[in-house]
Structure formats: structure tokens, C-alpha cells
Amino acid sequence: MISLLAPLVWACSDQSTETWLRHTIDDTYRGADGVDLRDIDQDDDLDAVVGWEESGLVIVYENPGVEMVKYLWPKVDVSGGLDMKKTEDAKFADLDADGQIDAVISATEMHNFQLGIHWLNDIYSWRSATAWQGTWIDPQKKHPYLKVAVGQLDNKYGKDIVAGTKEKLVDGINYEGKLIWFASPEILGPESSDLWKGELMADIGWIYHIELMDLDADGDNDVMISDRVDGLRWFENRLSSSAAWIEHVIGPNAGSFAICRNVVTDSEWSVVTHTVNGPVIYSQLPSGEWLEQNLDIANELPNGQPVLPFKGVACGDLNLDGRTDFAVSVSGQGHGVYAFVQEKDHWRIVLIAGTDKNNYFKGIKHDTLGLTDLDGDGDLDVVTTDENGGLFANGLGLIWFENPEI
């Protein structure tokens, strides 16, 4: 059943390193490994789903609305009977494309090596754990799954699933990195989970992030990925002509990315990411080539800390000046969450939350993030996770930072 939880514990003793006020949504479990935001109850605010890696859970959180959003959020375990281990990613899904969330897709690495579909059997009772039923898909295919994305690729039946893995040696078995497409079967539901069959799209190294979008404006969704080994690239969807996926290289990257609109003049959309030399923006030219632009940054992080590779990126107008900015989260000792604010002829770094370099336990392993106006004051707040700082440290869990209207 859904848990109605006590008011939040306000910012801890390390709050002094945070320039945006931090609020805790849930810090009960261990290993909060990324967050996905969607409106599951169709009340016009965004709810959240988180895979808790070390605790082996998939939890959906109900946004309680602006009056209660600074308190702990009600939650429900949607594992649906599956014995979850090493949950690396969790995404909301509307598999039948009727406008209503009907499942959560999970990716597991060690121990399970599986993709899970957690089916919502009764939308009116979604706040109850008994309304959810978990199934593994294509269970014979064992991979160290890290990331998933959901969308229509072949224009048949329901929405499809794309999953990425990493190369890893486990118990003497060498698992190769793969990008795998699971086409939706005609029949959807827990009883048809064995009809989802994985097809290899590409060999990869270590997946960071996956996005599905019509990148070439031909009417079907393509697949863009960031790969820790082989960089940023996209795969052209040729399924309508029964052809193979065509790979297009964009450039190097050293972390996650976001596809952002109106970041660069004369470019409808661009890709914001990070290379070994720092943040970059890739924009596609009419020739099909990609222009790489380094950011002209007017200031430094405190104490001259370097800008670390992005674990999460999200775009939006953070200071309400009409320009597109972006927020990032990073993993490692040093600063954890910050924003790049676009000004007239340069970018400015705004620290959202940092960690003391001597703090080895909390605020050092952030992952994906999302932007939404949680407190209803008209600006975008930042929702993210902090996984842990070691074997015995819980981390900050699922958290959000209140935009002070920078």
C-alpha cells in the first residue's frame, strides 16, 4: 500500500555548500540511481519514479501538490513481485499510447541482468502495490542493462523499448556492450511479456544515455546515444524500408546529454553534452555535419574546481529571461549540481549544490535530473538523486532544489 510519510527532514549540516534550498522527497533506501518525471495521475503535476540500486526497489512517488511538495512524498513499490537486484534505471511508459501511463520499465545489472516491465493493471488503484505486476521480458537474453528508453519506432502496435548495456566481466563471463531494440508485440499485458524479443541494433561500449526523437524529420523516431567508449552518435531509423539502422557519428563525449531546443541561434535543436575539454553544444548543419561549439564561460566554479562530466542534463529557461539554459548533475568529489545560464554573449555557471572535497558520503554521486516548477512560483526547480558515497552510505536519496530565481 502507499505510504503516507512524515514531514521532511530539512537540510542537513552540509547545507552551507548549497545555494539552492534542498528538499528531501525520500532518503529511506540505498542507491537512488536516477529519476524519471511524468504525470501518472493526470493531475497536471509531475510524479517521479526511481530505481534504488542497492536496495533493489522500483518506487513511484506521487507529487502531493504545491502545498505539500516540500514534505516527503507518498510512495508505492511497483516491483510487482519481481526480486529486483541492482536496479540501474526506471522509466514511466505509456505502452499502448492512449495517453495514460500503464507501466514502468526497469533495467537491472548484476544478479538479474534483465529488463522488467512493471504493469499497472488497475489505473484507479495505482497507489496500491497490488495494482502492479512485474514480468521479465526476453529473460533468456542476459545483459548488464544500464539505461532504457521508450517510444514508437516501427509504427506497429504499442511503443517499443530500447535498452543499452555495458561491457563487463562477471564470474568469468565477458558481457559485451549492446544496444538492443525490443519491438512491441501486438498483444500488450503481463501475459504477453514473453513476446517481446530483443534485436541487436549495435555493439557499444558503455551506455550513458538514450533518447528517441525524429532527428531527420522523416516522420519516424531515430535513436541517439552517448557511449562512454565510442562517443555521441545516432542511429537512423530505416525500418519502414526494411533496411538496417544507419549509424551517424556526432562527436566525442564524456557523459550524458540532452536534446535542447533554441539553445543556438539559427538551430531549432542542439545537443548539450560534455567532452574531455568541457561542456560543448553540437548543432547539425544543413550539410548533415555537426558543428561543435565550446561554451564561452565567464566565471569558474568555487575554488577553481573543474567542470566534471555530466551524469544528467536538462534544458529550460532557469532565470526567466527568455533564453534556454541548462542544469547538470555530476558524480565525484567536488561540485554536484549546477546550472549554465545563457547571457548575451557568454555563459555563467551557477552553483546549485556542491560537496566539500572531504565529504566522502553524501552529495557526491548524482545521476539524471529533471526540471519542473514544483512549488508553483513560476520558475523551474531541479529534481535529481544522490546515490551513495560508499558501501555503508545511503546518500541523499531523491531530492529537489528550489530555484531562487537566479
Protein backbone atom coordinates (compact mmCIF):
# COMPACT_ATOMS: atom_id res chain seq x y z
CA MET A 1 0.00 0.00 0.00
CA ILE A 2 1.03 3.58 -0.44
CA SER A 3 2.99 5.10 2.44
CA LEU A 4 1.83 8.39 3.92
CA LEU A 5 5.07 9.67 5.30
CA ALA A 6 6.14 12.16 7.94
CA PRO A 7 7.27 15.72 7.08
CA LEU A 8 10.67 16.06 5.53
CA VAL A 9 13.89 16.42 7.41
CA TRP A 10 15.18 19.83 6.45
CA ALA A 11 18.62 20.45 5.06
CA CYS A 12 21.48 18.67 6.78
CA SER A 13 24.67 20.14 8.19
CA ASP A 14 26.28 20.31 4.74
CA GLN A 15 23.56 22.72 3.55
CA SER A 16 26.16 25.52 3.52
CA THR A 17 27.50 24.12 0.24
CA GLU A 18 24.10 24.50 -1.42
CA THR A 19 22.99 27.82 -2.86
CA TRP A 20 19.52 26.49 -3.74
CA LEU A 21 17.46 25.17 -0.84
CA ARG A 22 17.36 21.37 -0.90
CA HIS A 23 14.21 19.40 -0.08
CA THR A 24 14.07 15.65 0.50
CA ILE A 25 11.44 13.56 -1.28
CA ASP A 26 12.75 10.24 0.08
CA ASP A 27 16.03 9.12 1.66
CA THR A 28 14.78 5.85 3.14
CA TYR A 29 16.63 3.40 0.91
CA ARG A 30 20.09 2.97 -0.63
CA GLY A 31 21.28 3.72 -4.13
CA ALA A 32 18.84 6.21 -5.71
CA ASP A 33 20.06 5.80 -9.29
CA GLY A 34 18.30 8.40 -11.45
CA VAL A 35 14.78 9.81 -11.69
CA ASP A 36 12.11 10.00 -14.41
CA LEU A 37 9.30 12.54 -14.23
CA ARG A 38 5.80 12.02 -15.71
CA ASP A 39 2.22 12.74 -14.72
CA ILE A 40 0.87 9.31 -13.81
CA ASP A 41 -2.35 10.51 -12.14
CA GLN A 42 -3.13 13.21 -14.75
CA ASP A 43 -3.48 15.99 -12.20
CA ASP A 44 -1.18 18.34 -14.16
CA ASP A 45 1.92 17.95 -12.00
CA LEU A 46 4.86 15.63 -12.49
CA ASP A 47 5.27 12.48 -10.42
CA ALA A 48 8.53 10.54 -10.15
CA VAL A 49 9.90 7.02 -10.46
CA VAL A 50 13.27 5.94 -9.06
CA GLY A 51 15.23 2.71 -9.20
CA TRP A 52 17.02 2.17 -5.89
CA GLU A 53 20.08 0.16 -6.92
CA GLU A 54 21.45 -1.24 -3.67
CA SER A 55 18.00 -1.66 -2.09
CA GLY A 56 16.66 -3.47 -5.18
CA LEU A 57 13.46 -1.44 -5.47
CA VAL A 58 11.42 0.47 -8.03
CA ILE A 59 9.40 3.20 -6.33
CA VAL A 60 6.81 5.60 -7.78
CA TYR A 61 6.26 8.90 -5.95
CA GLU A 62 3.08 10.94 -6.09
CA ASN A 63 3.61 14.68 -6.35
CA PRO A 64 1.43 15.95 -3.47
CA GLY A 65 0.91 19.40 -4.99
CA VAL A 66 2.37 22.80 -4.22
CA GLU A 67 1.03 22.99 -0.67
CA MET A 68 2.76 19.76 0.40
CA VAL A 69 5.62 19.45 -2.08
CA LYS A 70 8.28 20.40 0.49
CA TYR A 71 7.35 17.41 2.62
CA LEU A 72 8.12 13.76 1.94
CA TRP A 73 6.05 12.45 -0.97
CA PRO A 74 3.65 9.49 -0.80
CA LYS A 75 5.16 6.43 -2.49
CA VAL A 76 4.41 2.93 -3.70
CA ASP A 77 6.67 -0.01 -4.53
CA VAL A 78 5.81 -1.03 -8.10
CA SER A 79 8.17 -4.01 -8.35
CA GLY A 80 5.08 -6.18 -8.71
CA GLY A 81 6.56 -9.32 -7.21
CA LEU A 82 9.88 -9.28 -9.04
CA ASP A 83 13.01 -9.94 -6.99
CA MET A 84 14.93 -6.84 -8.05
CA LYS A 85 18.71 -6.61 -7.84
CA LYS A 86 20.96 -3.72 -8.91
CA THR A 87 18.22 -1.53 -10.41
CA GLU A 88 20.08 0.85 -12.72
CA ASP A 89 17.24 2.69 -14.46
CA ALA A 90 13.48 3.10 -14.32
CA LYS A 91 11.22 4.87 -16.80
CA PHE A 92 7.49 5.53 -16.95
CA ALA A 93 5.84 4.12 -20.09
CA ASP A 94 2.56 4.51 -21.97
CA LEU A 95 2.99 1.30 -23.95
CA ASP A 96 -0.42 1.33 -25.65
CA ALA A 97 -0.10 5.06 -26.50
CA ASP A 98 -3.50 6.00 -25.11
CA GLY A 99 -2.16 8.95 -23.10
CA GLN A 100 -2.15 7.16 -19.75
CA ILE A 101 0.90 5.66 -18.02
CA ASP A 102 0.42 1.90 -17.94
CA ALA A 103 3.85 0.55 -16.95
CA VAL A 104 7.31 1.24 -15.59
CA ILE A 105 10.32 -0.22 -17.41
CA SER A 106 13.34 -1.14 -15.28
CA ALA A 107 16.91 -2.06 -16.15
CA THR A 108 18.96 -4.28 -13.86
CA GLU A 109 22.63 -5.09 -13.98
CA MET A 110 24.32 -7.59 -11.64
CA HIS A 111 22.37 -10.63 -10.36
CA ASN A 112 19.26 -10.08 -12.54
CA PHE A 113 20.75 -9.00 -15.90
CA GLN A 114 17.18 -8.38 -17.03
CA LEU A 115 14.68 -5.81 -18.23
CA GLY A 116 11.46 -5.63 -16.25
CA ILE A 117 8.02 -4.40 -17.23
CA HIS A 118 6.01 -3.44 -14.16
CA TRP A 119 2.45 -3.42 -15.46
CA LEU A 120 -0.21 -1.20 -13.96
CA ASN A 121 -3.24 -3.48 -14.00
CA ASP A 122 -5.68 -1.03 -12.40
CA ILE A 123 -5.16 2.67 -13.09
CA TYR A 124 -7.69 3.65 -10.44
CA SER A 125 -5.69 1.81 -7.77
CA TRP A 126 -2.20 2.76 -8.91
CA ARG A 127 -1.31 3.95 -5.40
CA SER A 128 -1.52 0.34 -4.18
CA ALA A 129 1.35 -2.10 -4.67
CA THR A 130 -1.16 -4.83 -5.55
CA ALA A 131 -2.17 -2.92 -8.70
CA TRP A 132 1.28 -3.59 -10.19
CA GLN A 133 2.50 -6.85 -11.73
CA GLY A 134 6.14 -7.33 -12.69
CA THR A 135 7.43 -9.54 -15.52
CA TRP A 136 10.83 -10.05 -17.11
CA ILE A 137 10.99 -9.68 -20.90
CA ASP A 138 13.05 -11.95 -23.16
CA PRO A 139 14.56 -13.47 -19.99
CA GLN A 140 16.95 -15.76 -21.89
CA LYS A 141 18.95 -12.72 -23.00
CA LYS A 142 21.20 -11.85 -20.07
CA HIS A 143 22.93 -8.48 -20.21
CA PRO A 144 24.18 -5.88 -17.71
CA TYR A 145 21.43 -3.39 -18.55
CA LEU A 146 22.05 0.25 -17.60
CA LYS A 147 19.62 2.51 -19.50
CA VAL A 148 16.22 2.27 -21.21
CA ALA A 149 14.09 4.50 -23.40
CA VAL A 150 10.50 4.04 -24.62
CA GLY A 151 8.92 5.20 -27.88
CA GLN A 152 7.36 4.18 -31.18
CA LEU A 153 9.95 3.02 -33.72
CA ASP A 154 8.31 0.67 -36.23
CA ASN A 155 4.77 2.17 -36.26
CA LYS A 156 3.33 -1.19 -35.26
CA TYR A 157 1.27 -2.00 -32.19
CA GLY A 158 2.42 -0.30 -28.99
CA LYS A 159 5.54 1.63 -28.08
CA ASP A 160 8.90 -0.09 -28.25
CA ILE A 161 11.78 -0.30 -25.79
CA VAL A 162 15.45 0.45 -26.48
CA ALA A 163 17.98 -0.69 -23.89
CA GLY A 164 21.71 -0.20 -23.53
CA THR A 165 24.26 -2.29 -21.67
CA LYS A 166 27.97 -2.16 -20.92
CA GLU A 167 30.94 -4.42 -21.43
CA LYS A 168 31.65 -6.20 -18.16
CA LEU A 169 33.44 -9.33 -16.92
CA VAL A 170 31.33 -11.13 -14.32
CA ASP A 171 32.13 -14.56 -12.87
CA GLY A 172 34.37 -15.39 -15.82
CA ILE A 173 31.74 -14.36 -18.39
CA ASN A 174 32.56 -11.41 -20.64
CA TYR A 175 29.38 -9.49 -21.36
CA GLU A 176 29.71 -7.28 -24.44
CA GLY A 177 28.10 -3.86 -24.65
CA LYS A 178 24.91 -3.87 -26.74
CA LEU A 179 22.18 -1.51 -27.93
CA ILE A 180 19.03 -3.62 -28.18
CA TRP A 181 15.60 -2.89 -29.65
CA PHE A 182 12.54 -4.65 -28.24
CA ALA A 183 9.63 -4.26 -30.65
CA SER A 184 6.22 -4.15 -29.03
CA PRO A 185 4.11 -7.26 -29.65
CA GLU A 186 0.53 -6.98 -30.86
CA ILE A 187 -0.84 -8.10 -27.51
CA LEU A 188 0.16 -6.00 -24.52
CA GLY A 189 -0.01 -7.00 -20.88
CA PRO A 190 1.67 -9.24 -18.30
CA GLU A 191 0.52 -12.38 -20.11
CA SER A 192 2.42 -11.39 -23.27
CA SER A 193 5.78 -10.44 -21.78
CA ASP A 194 7.47 -13.43 -23.43
CA LEU A 195 6.51 -12.00 -26.86
CA TRP A 196 8.99 -9.12 -26.50
CA LYS A 197 12.12 -10.20 -28.39
CA GLY A 198 15.35 -8.25 -28.38
CA GLU A 199 17.09 -7.42 -31.67
CA LEU A 200 20.64 -6.11 -31.81
CA MET A 201 20.91 -2.52 -33.07
CA ALA A 202 24.62 -2.00 -32.49
CA ASP A 203 27.63 -3.09 -30.50
CA ILE A 204 28.57 -0.40 -27.99
CA GLY A 205 30.94 0.05 -25.08
CA TRP A 206 29.18 1.54 -22.05
CA ILE A 207 25.84 3.29 -22.41
CA TYR A 208 25.34 6.67 -20.73
CA HIS A 209 22.02 7.86 -22.10
CA ILE A 210 19.39 7.09 -24.79
CA GLU A 211 16.89 9.43 -26.45
CA LEU A 212 14.26 8.64 -29.10
CA MET A 213 13.39 11.50 -31.46
CA ASP A 214 12.75 12.16 -35.14
CA LEU A 215 16.20 13.58 -35.82
CA ASP A 216 15.98 13.68 -39.63
CA ALA A 217 12.37 14.91 -39.86
CA ASP A 218 11.20 11.96 -41.94
CA GLY A 219 8.27 11.00 -39.74
CA ASP A 220 9.77 8.24 -37.59
CA ASN A 221 11.79 8.21 -34.39
CA ASP A 222 15.53 7.71 -34.51
CA VAL A 223 17.81 6.74 -31.61
CA MET A 224 20.56 8.91 -30.13
CA ILE A 225 23.01 7.56 -27.56
CA SER A 226 26.04 8.60 -25.59
CA ASP A 227 28.61 5.85 -25.24
CA ARG A 228 31.44 6.02 -22.73
CA VAL A 229 33.70 4.24 -25.22
CA ASP A 230 32.64 5.43 -28.70
CA GLY A 231 31.12 8.85 -28.09
CA LEU A 232 27.90 10.55 -29.16
CA ARG A 233 26.05 9.16 -32.19
CA TRP A 234 22.62 8.49 -33.60
CA PHE A 235 21.01 5.65 -35.48
CA GLU A 236 18.77 6.47 -38.42
CA ASN A 237 15.50 4.56 -38.43
CA ARG A 238 15.09 2.69 -41.73
CA LEU A 239 12.52 0.17 -40.57
CA SER A 240 9.85 1.46 -42.98
CA SER A 241 12.02 0.26 -45.88
CA SER A 242 13.10 -2.95 -44.12
CA ALA A 243 16.66 -1.63 -44.04
CA ALA A 244 19.18 -1.77 -41.23
CA TRP A 245 19.79 1.07 -38.82
CA ILE A 246 22.33 3.56 -40.19
CA GLU A 247 24.86 4.89 -37.70
CA HIS A 248 25.86 8.57 -37.75
CA VAL A 249 28.75 9.83 -35.62
CA ILE A 250 28.26 13.22 -33.96
CA GLY A 251 31.46 13.56 -31.94
CA PRO A 252 33.21 12.68 -28.70
CA ASN A 253 31.55 12.97 -25.34
CA ALA A 254 32.41 12.10 -21.77
CA GLY A 255 28.99 11.91 -20.17
CA SER A 256 25.27 12.22 -20.64
CA PHE A 257 23.48 14.64 -23.00
CA ALA A 258 20.22 16.47 -23.59
CA ILE A 259 18.50 17.42 -26.84
CA CYS A 260 17.60 21.07 -26.36
CA ARG A 261 15.60 23.49 -28.46
CA ASN A 262 16.60 27.08 -29.21
CA VAL A 263 19.99 26.92 -27.49
CA VAL A 264 21.91 28.17 -30.51
CA THR A 265 20.76 30.88 -32.93
CA ASP A 266 19.54 29.52 -36.30
CA SER A 267 19.36 25.96 -34.97
CA GLU A 268 16.00 24.53 -33.94
CA TRP A 269 17.58 21.97 -31.66
CA SER A 270 21.06 21.10 -30.45
CA VAL A 271 22.76 18.52 -28.26
CA VAL A 272 24.28 19.68 -24.98
CA THR A 273 26.97 17.36 -23.63
CA HIS A 274 30.48 17.25 -22.20
CA THR A 275 33.80 16.24 -23.75
CA VAL A 276 37.18 15.84 -22.07
CA ASN A 277 37.70 19.56 -22.71
CA GLY A 278 34.48 20.67 -21.02
CA PRO A 279 30.86 21.43 -21.96
CA VAL A 280 30.02 21.60 -25.67
CA ILE A 281 26.98 22.15 -27.88
CA TYR A 282 26.59 20.14 -31.09
CA SER A 283 24.36 21.63 -33.79
CA GLN A 284 23.58 19.97 -37.10
CA LEU A 285 24.42 21.95 -40.23
CA PRO A 286 22.35 21.74 -43.45
CA SER A 287 25.11 19.52 -44.88
CA GLY A 288 24.40 16.96 -42.17
CA GLU A 289 27.72 17.63 -40.44
CA TRP A 290 27.81 18.59 -36.78
CA LEU A 291 29.24 21.87 -35.51
CA GLU A 292 30.93 21.57 -32.13
CA GLN A 293 30.89 24.78 -30.07
CA ASN A 294 32.65 25.23 -26.75
CA LEU A 295 30.89 27.40 -24.20
CA ASP A 296 32.35 30.82 -23.51
CA ILE A 297 32.05 30.69 -19.72
CA ALA A 298 32.54 33.94 -17.83
CA ASN A 299 33.28 32.51 -14.38
CA GLU A 300 34.64 29.47 -12.55
CA LEU A 301 33.23 27.10 -10.01
CA PRO A 302 34.28 27.93 -6.44
CA ASN A 303 37.94 27.22 -5.65
CA GLY A 304 38.65 26.77 -9.35
CA GLN A 305 37.09 23.31 -9.46
CA PRO A 306 36.92 21.83 -12.98
CA VAL A 307 33.62 21.22 -14.73
CA LEU A 308 33.17 17.46 -14.42
CA PRO A 309 31.46 15.15 -16.98
CA PHE A 310 27.68 15.26 -16.84
CA LYS A 311 25.65 12.43 -15.33
CA GLY A 312 22.42 14.28 -16.05
CA VAL A 313 21.47 17.25 -18.24
CA ALA A 314 18.16 19.09 -18.65
CA CYS A 315 17.30 22.28 -20.57
CA GLY A 316 14.99 25.13 -19.72
CA ASP A 317 14.77 28.85 -19.03
CA LEU A 318 16.04 28.86 -15.45
CA ASN A 319 16.17 32.61 -14.85
CA LEU A 320 13.08 33.55 -16.89
CA ASP A 321 14.92 35.81 -19.34
CA GLY A 322 13.69 34.06 -22.49
CA ARG A 323 16.96 32.23 -23.19
CA THR A 324 17.48 28.47 -22.93
CA ASP A 325 19.76 27.45 -20.05
CA PHE A 326 20.65 24.00 -18.79
CA ALA A 327 21.21 22.29 -15.44
CA VAL A 328 23.64 19.44 -14.91
CA SER A 329 24.49 16.88 -12.25
CA VAL A 330 27.88 15.29 -11.86
CA SER A 331 29.38 12.40 -9.94
CA GLY A 332 32.58 12.55 -7.95
CA GLN A 333 34.38 14.62 -5.36
CA GLY A 334 33.70 18.31 -5.88
CA HIS A 335 30.60 20.11 -7.04
CA GLY A 336 27.48 18.08 -7.64
CA VAL A 337 24.67 20.10 -9.27
CA TYR A 338 24.93 23.39 -11.14
CA ALA A 339 23.45 25.41 -13.98
CA PHE A 340 24.79 27.04 -17.11
CA VAL A 341 22.87 30.26 -17.61
CA GLN A 342 22.95 31.81 -21.09
CA GLU A 343 23.58 35.53 -21.15
CA LYS A 344 24.03 37.94 -24.06
CA ASP A 345 27.50 36.86 -25.25
CA HIS A 346 28.61 34.24 -22.73
CA TRP A 347 27.50 31.60 -20.26
CA ARG A 348 27.60 31.87 -16.47
CA ILE A 349 27.96 28.94 -14.07
CA VAL A 350 25.55 28.99 -11.13
CA LEU A 351 26.28 26.62 -8.27
CA ILE A 352 23.15 24.80 -7.12
CA ALA A 353 24.74 22.29 -4.75
CA GLY A 354 28.34 21.35 -4.09
CA THR A 355 30.16 18.99 -1.81
CA ASP A 356 33.14 19.56 0.37
CA LYS A 357 36.06 17.59 -1.06
CA ASN A 358 36.45 15.99 2.37
CA ASN A 359 32.88 14.70 2.32
CA TYR A 360 33.04 11.12 1.04
CA PHE A 361 29.50 10.07 1.83
CA LYS A 362 26.73 12.39 0.66
CA GLY A 363 26.09 14.66 -2.29
CA ILE A 364 28.82 13.12 -4.43
CA LYS A 365 27.06 10.67 -6.76
CA HIS A 366 24.24 12.45 -8.56
CA ASP A 367 22.58 11.00 -11.64
CA THR A 368 19.83 12.06 -14.06
CA LEU A 369 17.82 15.18 -13.34
CA GLY A 370 14.63 16.89 -14.46
CA LEU A 371 13.27 20.44 -14.46
CA THR A 372 9.76 21.33 -13.37
CA ASP A 373 8.04 24.02 -11.29
CA LEU A 374 7.32 22.03 -8.14
CA ASP A 375 6.41 24.88 -5.81
CA GLY A 376 4.21 26.77 -8.25
CA ASP A 377 6.14 30.04 -8.16
CA GLY A 378 6.69 30.24 -11.91
CA ASP A 379 10.32 29.10 -12.23
CA LEU A 380 11.90 25.71 -12.86
CA ASP A 381 13.19 23.67 -9.93
CA VAL A 382 15.67 20.77 -10.19
CA VAL A 383 14.80 17.18 -9.27
CA THR A 384 17.64 14.69 -9.02
CA THR A 385 19.09 11.80 -6.99
CA ASP A 386 22.20 11.17 -4.95
CA GLU A 387 23.07 7.50 -4.96
CA ASN A 388 25.61 6.95 -2.19
CA GLY A 389 29.16 7.62 -1.17
CA GLY A 390 30.25 4.08 -0.43
CA LEU A 391 29.14 0.68 0.74
CA PHE A 392 27.61 1.89 4.01
CA ALA A 393 26.38 5.33 2.99
CA ASN A 394 22.80 5.95 1.85
CA GLY A 395 23.40 9.23 0.06
CA LEU A 396 20.80 11.99 -0.07
CA GLY A 397 18.26 9.88 -1.98
CA LEU A 398 15.57 11.53 -4.13
CA ILE A 399 15.79 15.31 -3.68
CA TRP A 400 14.85 18.60 -5.29
CA PHE A 401 16.40 22.04 -5.28
CA GLU A 402 14.24 25.15 -5.06
CA ASN A 403 15.03 27.76 -7.71
CA PRO A 404 15.69 31.12 -6.01
CA GLU A 405 15.02 32.94 -9.33
CA ILE A 406 18.65 33.34 -10.27
